[in-house]
Protein backbone atom coordinates (compact mmCIF):
# COMPACT_ATOMS: atom_id res chain seq x y z
CA MET A 1 15.03 37.10 -8.47
CA THR A 2 13.80 33.57 -7.66
CA THR A 3 16.53 31.09 -6.74
CA SER A 4 16.76 28.26 -9.25
CA LEU A 5 16.36 24.71 -8.02
CA HIS A 6 19.91 23.63 -8.78
CA GLN A 7 21.24 26.49 -6.62
CA LEU A 8 19.34 25.45 -3.51
CA ARG A 9 21.52 24.30 -0.63
CA PRO A 10 20.32 21.89 2.10
CA GLY A 11 19.71 24.78 4.48
CA ALA A 12 18.39 27.27 1.95
CA ASP A 13 14.77 28.39 1.90
CA PRO A 14 12.72 27.01 -1.02
CA ALA A 15 11.23 29.31 -3.63
CA PRO A 16 8.06 30.85 -2.14
CA ASP A 17 5.86 30.08 -5.15
CA HIS A 18 7.21 26.70 -6.32
CA PHE A 19 7.01 23.17 -4.98
CA ASP A 20 10.23 22.37 -3.10
CA ARG A 21 11.58 19.60 -5.30
CA ARG A 22 14.21 18.69 -2.72
CA LEU A 23 11.35 16.88 -0.98
CA VAL A 24 10.83 14.48 -3.88
CA ALA A 25 13.79 12.18 -3.08
CA PRO A 26 12.91 11.49 0.58
CA MET A 27 9.19 11.29 -0.28
CA VAL A 28 9.69 8.69 -3.00
CA LEU A 29 12.29 6.69 -1.07
CA GLY A 30 10.07 6.57 2.01
CA ALA A 31 7.00 5.55 -0.02
CA ILE A 32 8.68 2.68 -1.93
CA LEU A 33 10.22 0.92 1.08
CA ASN A 34 6.99 -0.87 1.90
CA PRO A 35 6.27 -2.24 -1.61
CA ILE A 36 9.92 -3.16 -2.13
CA ASN A 37 9.91 -5.25 1.04
CA SER A 38 6.56 -6.73 0.03
CA SER A 39 7.84 -7.86 -3.37
CA MET A 40 11.42 -8.94 -2.55
CA ILE A 41 10.26 -11.56 -0.07
CA ALA A 42 8.48 -13.54 -2.83
CA VAL A 43 11.77 -14.97 -4.14
CA ALA A 44 13.28 -15.46 -0.68
CA LEU A 45 10.61 -17.71 0.90
CA VAL A 46 11.98 -20.99 -0.46
CA PRO A 47 15.66 -20.41 0.51
CA ILE A 48 14.58 -19.11 3.94
CA GLY A 49 12.50 -22.25 4.55
CA ALA A 50 15.41 -24.47 3.51
CA ALA A 51 17.95 -22.59 5.63
CA LEU A 52 15.86 -22.38 8.81
CA GLY A 53 13.96 -25.65 8.45
CA ALA A 54 10.63 -23.81 8.27
CA ALA A 55 7.52 -25.23 6.62
CA PRO A 56 5.59 -23.18 4.04
CA ALA A 57 2.90 -22.48 6.64
CA GLN A 58 5.59 -20.83 8.79
CA THR A 59 7.30 -18.85 6.01
CA ALA A 60 3.85 -17.57 4.96
CA TRP A 61 3.91 -15.47 8.14
CA LEU A 62 6.79 -13.48 6.64
CA VAL A 63 4.24 -12.15 4.15
CA SER A 64 1.30 -11.93 6.56
CA GLY A 65 3.37 -10.28 9.30
CA LEU A 66 4.30 -7.31 7.14
CA TYR A 67 0.76 -6.96 5.76
CA LEU A 68 -0.77 -7.05 9.25
CA ALA A 69 1.71 -4.50 10.61
CA THR A 70 1.20 -2.20 7.64
CA ALA A 71 -2.59 -2.40 7.53
CA ILE A 72 -2.75 -1.56 11.24
CA GLY A 73 0.12 0.90 11.39
CA GLN A 74 -0.63 3.13 8.39
CA PRO A 75 -3.57 5.08 9.88
CA VAL A 76 -2.00 5.11 13.37
CA VAL A 77 1.27 6.55 12.10
CA GLY A 78 -0.68 8.78 9.73
CA ARG A 79 -2.51 10.30 12.69
CA LEU A 80 0.81 10.90 14.43
CA VAL A 81 2.02 12.62 11.26
CA ASP A 82 -1.04 14.88 11.41
CA LEU A 83 -0.30 15.78 15.03
CA TYR A 84 3.49 16.00 15.13
CA GLY A 85 4.57 16.57 11.53
CA ALA A 86 6.06 14.43 8.79
CA ARG A 87 9.72 14.94 9.77
CA ARG A 88 9.59 13.30 13.22
CA LEU A 89 7.65 10.25 12.10
CA PHE A 90 9.67 9.88 8.90
CA LEU A 91 12.95 9.82 10.82
CA ALA A 92 11.58 7.52 13.53
CA GLY A 93 10.32 5.15 10.84
CA ALA A 94 13.74 5.15 9.18
CA VAL A 95 15.35 4.10 12.46
CA LEU A 96 12.82 1.28 12.85
CA ILE A 97 13.50 0.12 9.29
CA GLY A 98 17.23 -0.04 10.02
CA VAL A 99 16.62 -2.01 13.21
CA GLY A 100 14.26 -4.38 11.38
CA GLY A 101 16.85 -4.94 8.65
CA LEU A 102 19.55 -5.76 11.21
CA VAL A 103 17.27 -8.12 13.14
CA GLY A 104 16.46 -9.95 9.91
CA ALA A 105 20.09 -10.14 8.84
CA LEU A 106 21.05 -11.78 12.15
CA ALA A 107 17.86 -13.76 12.81
CA PRO A 108 18.58 -17.29 14.14
CA SER A 109 15.03 -18.60 13.70
CA ILE A 110 11.84 -18.10 11.71
CA GLY A 111 10.15 -16.47 14.72
CA VAL A 112 12.79 -13.73 14.93
CA LEU A 113 12.57 -13.29 11.17
CA VAL A 114 8.80 -12.71 11.44
CA LEU A 115 9.53 -10.11 14.15
CA SER A 116 11.90 -8.43 11.70
CA ARG A 117 9.15 -8.26 9.07
CA VAL A 118 6.75 -6.74 11.59
CA LEU A 119 9.35 -4.08 12.47
CA LEU A 120 9.87 -3.38 8.77
CA GLY A 121 6.11 -3.11 8.26
CA LEU A 122 5.74 -0.64 11.13
CA GLY A 123 8.80 1.36 10.07
CA THR A 124 7.63 1.74 6.48
CA CYS A 125 4.20 2.98 7.62
CA ALA A 126 5.44 6.58 7.84
CA GLY A 127 6.53 6.95 4.22
CA TYR A 128 3.22 7.27 2.39
CA PRO A 129 1.27 9.40 4.94
CA ALA A 130 4.32 11.65 5.32
CA ALA A 131 4.55 12.11 1.54
CA MET A 132 0.87 13.04 1.21
CA THR A 133 1.14 15.46 4.14
CA LEU A 134 4.25 17.10 2.67
CA ILE A 135 2.49 17.59 -0.67
CA ARG A 136 -0.43 19.27 1.10
CA GLY A 137 1.98 21.37 3.18
CA GLU A 138 3.69 22.63 0.05
CA ALA A 139 0.31 23.59 -1.42
CA ASP A 140 -0.41 25.63 1.72
CA ARG A 141 3.06 27.22 1.68
CA THR A 142 3.03 28.24 -1.98
CA GLY A 143 -0.65 29.20 -2.09
CA GLN A 144 -1.29 26.97 -5.09
CA ASP A 145 -2.10 23.32 -5.47
CA SER A 146 0.89 21.04 -5.84
CA PRO A 147 1.59 19.92 -9.41
CA ALA A 148 -0.13 16.72 -10.53
CA THR A 149 3.30 15.49 -11.60
CA ILE A 150 4.32 15.04 -7.96
CA LEU A 151 1.35 12.79 -7.18
CA THR A 152 2.02 10.87 -10.38
CA VAL A 153 5.68 10.36 -9.48
CA LEU A 154 4.58 8.99 -6.11
CA ALA A 155 2.16 6.51 -7.73
CA VAL A 156 4.49 5.46 -10.58
CA SER A 157 7.45 4.93 -8.24
CA THR A 158 5.55 2.41 -6.13
CA GLN A 159 4.38 0.58 -9.27
CA THR A 160 7.93 0.51 -10.63
CA VAL A 161 9.15 -1.12 -7.44
CA ALA A 162 6.60 -3.90 -7.97
CA VAL A 163 8.45 -4.65 -11.22
CA ILE A 164 12.00 -4.55 -9.92
CA GLY A 165 11.37 -5.90 -6.40
CA PRO A 166 11.52 -9.63 -7.23
CA THR A 167 14.41 -9.04 -9.63
CA LEU A 168 16.31 -7.07 -6.99
CA GLY A 169 15.55 -9.79 -4.45
CA GLY A 170 16.90 -12.46 -6.77
CA PHE A 171 20.05 -10.43 -7.41
CA LEU A 172 20.65 -9.88 -3.70
CA ILE A 173 20.15 -13.58 -2.94
CA GLY A 174 22.62 -14.46 -5.67
CA VAL A 175 25.20 -12.06 -4.25
CA GLY A 176 24.77 -12.46 -0.50
CA GLY A 177 22.12 -15.08 0.21
CA TRP A 178 18.58 -14.52 1.47
CA ARG A 179 19.79 -12.45 4.44
CA ALA A 180 20.84 -9.75 1.96
CA THR A 181 17.14 -9.03 1.28
CA PHE A 182 16.96 -7.86 4.92
CA THR A 183 20.41 -6.25 5.13
CA VAL A 184 19.63 -3.95 2.18
CA ASN A 185 17.18 -2.11 4.45
CA VAL A 186 20.07 -0.76 6.53
CA PRO A 187 21.61 1.47 3.80
CA LEU A 188 18.12 2.39 2.62
CA ALA A 189 17.22 3.48 6.16
CA LEU A 190 20.45 5.50 6.41
CA ALA A 191 19.59 7.22 3.12
CA CYS A 192 16.15 8.08 4.52
CA LEU A 193 17.73 9.50 7.67
CA VAL A 194 20.18 11.67 5.73
CA LEU A 195 17.63 12.94 3.19
CA GLY A 196 14.98 13.46 5.86
CA ALA A 197 17.32 15.36 8.17
CA LEU A 198 18.54 17.57 5.32
CA TYR A 199 15.34 18.41 3.50
CA LEU A 200 12.17 17.70 5.48
CA PRO A 201 10.76 20.85 7.07
CA ARG A 202 10.72 21.12 10.85
CA GLY A 203 7.31 21.34 12.51
CA ALA A 204 6.16 24.34 14.46
CA SER A 205 5.94 22.36 17.72
CA SER A 206 8.52 23.23 20.36
CA GLY A 207 8.92 19.59 21.24
CA ARG A 208 7.95 20.18 24.90
CA THR A 209 4.42 18.76 24.68
CA ARG A 210 3.31 17.40 28.06
CA LEU A 211 2.74 13.64 28.24
CA GLY A 212 -0.90 14.00 29.32
CA ASP A 213 -1.68 16.36 26.45
CA ALA A 214 0.10 14.05 23.99
CA LEU A 215 -1.87 11.00 25.18
CA ARG A 216 -5.17 12.84 24.91
CA ALA A 217 -4.26 14.03 21.43
CA ILE A 218 -3.50 10.55 20.07
CA ASP A 219 -6.45 8.80 21.79
CA PRO A 220 -4.65 5.65 23.04
CA LEU A 221 -7.87 3.75 23.86
CA GLY A 222 -9.18 4.40 20.35
CA ILE A 223 -5.93 3.10 18.86
CA VAL A 224 -6.02 -0.04 21.04
CA LEU A 225 -9.61 -0.80 20.01
CA PHE A 226 -8.77 -0.11 16.34
CA VAL A 227 -5.78 -2.48 16.51
CA ALA A 228 -7.87 -5.18 18.23
CA THR A 229 -10.57 -4.88 15.57
CA LEU A 230 -8.14 -5.17 12.67
CA VAL A 231 -5.85 -7.84 14.14
CA THR A 232 -8.71 -10.27 14.76
CA LEU A 233 -10.29 -9.52 11.38
CA LEU A 234 -7.03 -9.82 9.45
CA LEU A 235 -6.00 -13.04 11.23
CA PHE A 236 -9.35 -14.52 10.26
CA LEU A 237 -9.06 -13.38 6.63
CA THR A 238 -5.41 -14.38 6.34
CA HIS A 239 -5.85 -17.97 7.46
CA LEU A 240 -9.65 -18.40 7.38
CA ARG A 241 -9.62 -20.42 10.57
CA ALA A 242 -12.77 -22.31 11.45
CA ASP A 243 -12.67 -20.70 14.92
CA LEU A 244 -15.61 -18.34 15.17
CA TRP A 245 -14.13 -16.44 18.10
CA LEU A 246 -11.95 -14.31 15.80
CA PRO A 247 -14.78 -12.62 13.86
CA VAL A 248 -16.82 -12.41 17.07
CA LEU A 249 -13.94 -10.60 18.80
CA SER A 250 -13.54 -8.36 15.76
CA VAL A 251 -17.21 -7.35 15.84
CA ALA A 252 -17.07 -6.76 19.61
CA ALA A 253 -13.91 -4.64 19.34
CA GLY A 254 -15.41 -2.73 16.42
CA ALA A 255 -18.55 -1.98 18.42
CA GLY A 256 -16.40 -0.77 21.31
CA LEU A 257 -14.35 1.36 18.92
CA THR A 258 -17.50 2.96 17.48
CA TRP A 259 -18.94 3.66 20.95
CA TRP A 260 -15.72 5.24 22.21
CA GLU A 261 -14.82 7.27 19.13
CA LEU A 262 -18.25 8.92 19.12
CA ARG A 263 -17.58 10.13 22.68
CA ALA A 264 -13.81 10.75 22.76
CA PRO A 265 -12.83 14.44 23.01
CA ALA A 266 -10.06 13.98 20.41
CA PRO A 267 -10.90 10.73 18.56
CA PHE A 268 -8.29 8.73 16.67
CA LEU A 269 -10.92 8.02 14.02
CA ASP A 270 -13.31 10.93 13.78
CA LEU A 271 -16.35 8.85 12.84
CA ARG A 272 -18.62 11.87 12.66
CA LEU A 273 -16.24 13.53 10.23
CA LEU A 274 -15.90 10.32 8.20
CA GLY A 275 -19.64 9.74 8.26
CA GLY A 276 -20.18 13.21 6.87
CA ASN A 277 -17.61 12.64 4.12
CA LEU A 278 -19.33 10.05 1.96
CA PRO A 279 -17.05 10.72 -1.06
CA LEU A 280 -14.01 9.74 1.04
CA LEU A 281 -15.73 6.58 2.26
CA ALA A 282 -16.58 5.72 -1.35
CA THR A 283 -12.90 6.12 -2.27
CA TYR A 284 -11.92 3.74 0.54
CA ALA A 285 -14.44 1.19 -0.77
CA ARG A 286 -13.08 1.55 -4.32
CA SER A 287 -9.54 1.07 -3.02
CA LEU A 288 -10.57 -2.20 -1.34
CA LEU A 289 -12.40 -3.46 -4.43
CA ALA A 290 -9.52 -2.51 -6.75
CA ALA A 291 -7.07 -4.36 -4.51
CA ILE A 292 -9.22 -7.51 -4.58
CA THR A 293 -9.06 -7.56 -8.37
CA SER A 294 -5.39 -6.63 -8.76
CA TYR A 295 -4.08 -8.98 -6.06
CA ALA A 296 -6.33 -11.83 -7.17
CA LEU A 297 -4.63 -11.48 -10.55
CA LEU A 298 -1.15 -11.13 -9.02
CA TYR A 299 -1.49 -14.18 -6.79
CA GLY A 300 -4.03 -16.36 -8.59
CA PHE A 301 -3.17 -15.80 -12.25
CA THR A 302 0.51 -16.39 -11.45
CA GLN A 303 -0.24 -19.71 -9.76
CA TRP A 304 -2.50 -20.77 -12.62
CA LEU A 305 0.15 -19.92 -15.23
CA GLU A 306 2.51 -22.40 -13.58
CA GLU A 307 0.12 -25.17 -12.54
CA GLY A 308 -2.86 -24.80 -14.86
CA ARG A 309 -1.07 -23.64 -18.00
CA GLY A 310 2.19 -25.48 -17.27
CA LEU A 311 4.62 -22.58 -17.72
CA SER A 312 7.95 -22.44 -15.92
CA PRO A 313 8.33 -19.88 -13.13
CA GLN A 314 10.65 -17.84 -15.37
CA ILE A 315 8.19 -17.72 -18.27
CA ALA A 316 5.29 -16.99 -15.92
CA GLY A 317 7.25 -14.03 -14.53
CA LEU A 318 7.85 -12.71 -18.03
CA VAL A 319 4.14 -13.01 -18.85
CA LEU A 320 3.35 -10.78 -15.86
CA LEU A 321 5.79 -8.03 -16.84
CA PRO A 322 3.31 -6.32 -19.24
CA VAL A 323 0.93 -5.82 -16.29
CA PHE A 324 3.37 -3.52 -14.54
CA ALA A 325 4.86 -2.05 -17.71
CA ALA A 326 1.42 -1.08 -19.06
CA GLY A 327 0.45 0.29 -15.63
CA ILE A 328 3.49 2.55 -15.54
CA VAL A 329 2.88 3.79 -19.10
CA VAL A 330 -0.80 4.51 -18.41
CA SER A 331 -0.01 6.35 -15.15
CA SER A 332 2.66 8.43 -16.86
CA ILE A 333 0.38 9.41 -19.75
CA THR A 334 -2.72 10.21 -17.68
CA GLY A 335 -1.01 11.57 -14.56
CA ARG A 336 -1.34 15.24 -15.51
CA SER A 337 -5.06 15.00 -16.21
CA PRO A 338 -7.28 16.10 -13.30
CA ARG A 339 -10.20 13.95 -14.49
CA ILE A 340 -10.37 11.51 -11.62
CA ARG A 341 -13.85 10.24 -12.48
CA GLY A 342 -12.86 9.49 -16.08
CA LYS A 343 -9.84 7.48 -14.94
CA LEU A 344 -11.93 5.47 -12.50
CA LEU A 345 -14.63 4.79 -15.11
CA VAL A 346 -12.11 3.51 -17.66
CA GLY A 347 -10.24 1.58 -14.97
CA GLY A 348 -13.46 -0.01 -13.70
CA LEU A 349 -14.60 -1.06 -17.16
CA ALA A 350 -11.13 -2.47 -17.89
CA GLN A 351 -11.38 -4.54 -14.70
CA VAL A 352 -14.75 -5.91 -15.80
CA ALA A 353 -13.34 -6.77 -19.24
CA LEU A 354 -10.32 -8.45 -17.63
CA ALA A 355 -12.51 -10.66 -15.42
CA VAL A 356 -14.67 -11.66 -18.41
CA VAL A 357 -11.61 -12.53 -20.52
CA LEU A 358 -10.20 -14.68 -17.71
CA LEU A 359 -13.35 -16.82 -17.87
CA PHE A 360 -12.11 -18.06 -21.27
CA VAL A 361 -8.51 -19.00 -20.43
CA ASP A 362 -7.63 -22.69 -20.33
CA ALA A 363 -4.66 -25.00 -20.48
CA GLN A 364 -4.42 -24.55 -24.27
CA SER A 365 -4.49 -20.71 -24.27
CA ALA A 366 -1.87 -19.31 -26.63
CA LEU A 367 1.03 -17.37 -25.15
CA TRP A 368 0.11 -14.24 -27.16
CA PHE A 369 -3.38 -14.36 -25.65
CA LEU A 370 -1.96 -14.53 -22.11
CA LEU A 371 0.30 -11.56 -22.88
CA ALA A 372 -2.74 -9.64 -24.15
CA VAL A 373 -4.50 -10.44 -20.85
CA ALA A 374 -1.49 -9.02 -18.98
CA VAL A 375 -1.55 -5.80 -21.02
CA LEU A 376 -5.29 -5.42 -20.36
CA ALA A 377 -4.66 -5.91 -16.63
CA GLY A 378 -2.13 -3.08 -16.68
CA ILE A 379 -4.76 -0.48 -17.67
CA PRO A 380 -6.68 -0.51 -14.35
CA GLN A 381 -3.38 -0.99 -12.54
CA GLY A 382 -2.20 2.35 -13.91
CA LEU A 383 -5.50 4.23 -13.54
CA ASN A 384 -7.21 3.14 -10.34
CA ASN A 385 -4.38 3.46 -7.83
CA LEU A 386 -3.42 6.91 -9.10
CA ALA A 387 -7.03 8.14 -9.25
CA ASN A 388 -7.89 6.88 -5.75
CA GLN A 389 -4.73 8.47 -4.35
CA ASN A 390 -5.57 11.81 -5.94
CA ALA A 391 -9.17 11.55 -4.74
CA VAL A 392 -8.05 11.11 -1.11
CA TYR A 393 -5.75 14.11 -1.47
CA HIS A 394 -8.68 16.30 -2.49
CA GLN A 395 -11.43 14.75 -0.35
CA ALA A 396 -9.72 14.41 3.04
CA ASP A 397 -9.74 17.05 5.75
CA PRO A 398 -6.31 18.73 5.35
CA ALA A 399 -5.76 18.49 9.13
CA ARG A 400 -6.18 14.71 8.91
CA LEU A 401 -4.61 14.00 5.54
CA GLY A 402 -1.92 11.73 7.00
CA SER A 403 -4.37 9.47 8.82
CA SER A 404 -6.80 9.58 5.86
CA ALA A 405 -4.05 8.47 3.46
CA GLY A 406 -2.99 5.76 5.91
CA LEU A 407 -6.57 4.54 6.25
CA MET A 408 -6.83 4.24 2.46
CA ARG A 409 -3.79 1.96 2.54
CA THR A 410 -5.48 -0.08 5.27
CA PHE A 411 -8.49 -0.66 3.02
CA PHE A 412 -6.12 -1.51 0.17
CA TYR A 413 -4.38 -4.17 2.28
CA LEU A 414 -7.74 -5.51 3.43
CA GLY A 415 -8.50 -6.07 -0.26
CA ALA A 416 -5.12 -7.74 -0.80
CA ILE A 417 -5.64 -10.09 2.14
CA THR A 418 -9.18 -10.87 0.97
CA ALA A 419 -7.78 -11.77 -2.45
CA SER A 420 -5.14 -14.00 -0.89
CA ALA A 421 -7.77 -15.79 1.20
CA THR A 422 -9.99 -16.21 -1.88
CA ASN A 423 -7.10 -17.78 -3.77
CA GLY A 424 -6.69 -20.29 -0.97
CA ILE A 425 -10.35 -21.27 -1.30
CA VAL A 426 -10.65 -21.57 -5.09
CA PHE A 427 -7.27 -23.31 -5.42
CA ARG A 428 -7.81 -25.67 -2.50
CA ASP A 429 -7.18 -28.65 -4.81
CA GLY A 430 -4.50 -26.98 -6.91
CA ALA A 431 -4.35 -24.00 -9.24
CA GLY A 432 -6.34 -25.55 -12.08
CA THR A 433 -8.45 -23.91 -14.76
CA ALA A 434 -11.73 -24.50 -12.89
CA GLY A 435 -10.34 -22.63 -9.88
CA MET A 436 -9.12 -19.83 -12.16
CA HIS A 437 -12.63 -19.42 -13.53
CA GLU A 438 -14.06 -19.30 -10.00
CA LEU A 439 -11.52 -16.60 -9.13
CA ALA A 440 -12.50 -14.69 -12.28
CA LEU A 441 -16.13 -14.65 -11.08
CA VAL A 442 -15.02 -13.14 -7.76
CA MET A 443 -12.98 -10.55 -9.68
CA LEU A 444 -16.01 -9.83 -11.87
CA ALA A 445 -18.22 -9.21 -8.85
CA ALA A 446 -15.66 -6.85 -7.29
CA SER A 447 -15.14 -5.05 -10.62
CA VAL A 448 -18.85 -4.54 -11.24
CA LEU A 449 -19.25 -3.11 -7.71
CA PHE A 450 -16.28 -0.82 -8.37
CA ALA A 451 -17.84 0.45 -11.61
CA VAL A 452 -21.30 0.93 -10.07
CA LEU A 453 -19.81 2.81 -7.12
CA THR A 454 -17.91 5.08 -9.51
CA VAL A 455 -20.95 5.83 -11.68
CA ALA A 456 -23.09 6.55 -8.62
CA ASP A 457 -20.51 8.89 -7.03
CA ARG A 458 -21.44 12.27 -8.51
CA SER A 459 -19.00 14.05 -6.20
CA LEU A 460 -16.12 12.85 -8.39
CA ARG A 461 -17.10 15.43 -10.98
CA ARG A 462 -16.09 18.17 -8.53
CA VAL A 463 -13.08 16.51 -6.87
CA ALA A 464 -10.33 18.06 -8.97
CA ALA A 465 -12.08 21.37 -9.53
């Protein structure tokens, strides 16, 4: 007789034909640590600057530092997950998160605080690739595909954190000051360590892999060239410096990366495999385009609500709540449906409609109209992220699912950084209505490309089959 879930002990074997639901808690906790650290910092920047005497240009690195570390680290850590299993990297990431939290809690200067954010970014890189790999591992163990509910829970949990992150950050600052937004990572890391040690399955490796074999397996030169390519590109996009040497270095490093990865015996990025998997590349492109639209709204629309429309920060925050609330509702309702293409089509058209509507906002727009805009924005928020995540799960080579999932997050953060840089350009003279309309045109271009790419991708009809 099959053991029921509530009877399972930490050391007990899971039911042979059911998803091991003991994995859900560590999977979700590991996956939300990155977005929760991304969102909490928004309310801490001003008190940090006041306490440490740091200018806004310096505190901005607290945001950029985590984005850079995450965009670079996700596929690297994902590849290590593929090679050495989710458990080892999950636990190592938890330790790094705890260290990053302590460094931030005790940081005497803005430079050390940026280092803390980089450590947190690198530590949280393991959560999402590990979760996707564990879901695939359970499908292999049980002989049946993992329930769509698990993938939905993973997507909805990260969206929920986007809602509560700033609120949690404000609460922590009120209780223990801005350092509490870093200290909270210590108990969260301990929870990850306990849950990971209790429930994550051990890999088949004996743990006695020779150093030479390990280095050849992870392709250190490929990783170095990948990091050099992304660091120079992201620094350029983040601050849009006039120095042309950054994009030149990025192109040179990218060319070197391509040359080496096509010849490496065990490449970090299997370009031949990626080149032969056009549906996966299309999903990466859609992830980037979706992030441009969603983050342009998150950053730009918020600034315009305060400066262009004249709302207080509190009211502007309340106007944005329907974005996340609608996204969670849409994800929850559609999560069980395997129709990935249908979700992307509706999400793409909703993005186009959103960009068009934003062309008509102005300083006299009624509050109900702005709330309707927020609800409309929640539809693609709830459809596109979930559909792209599910597409990667089905399209990626199972042996490289961790690195494939991590690379999707890299493209997502590239889109987020592109949106942030675009905001800086269109709002160079302040977040006025004219700048908001320029940003809406950029969103419209990205949304139309997203929709065209979805319509043209016939492979999506077979993805969930």
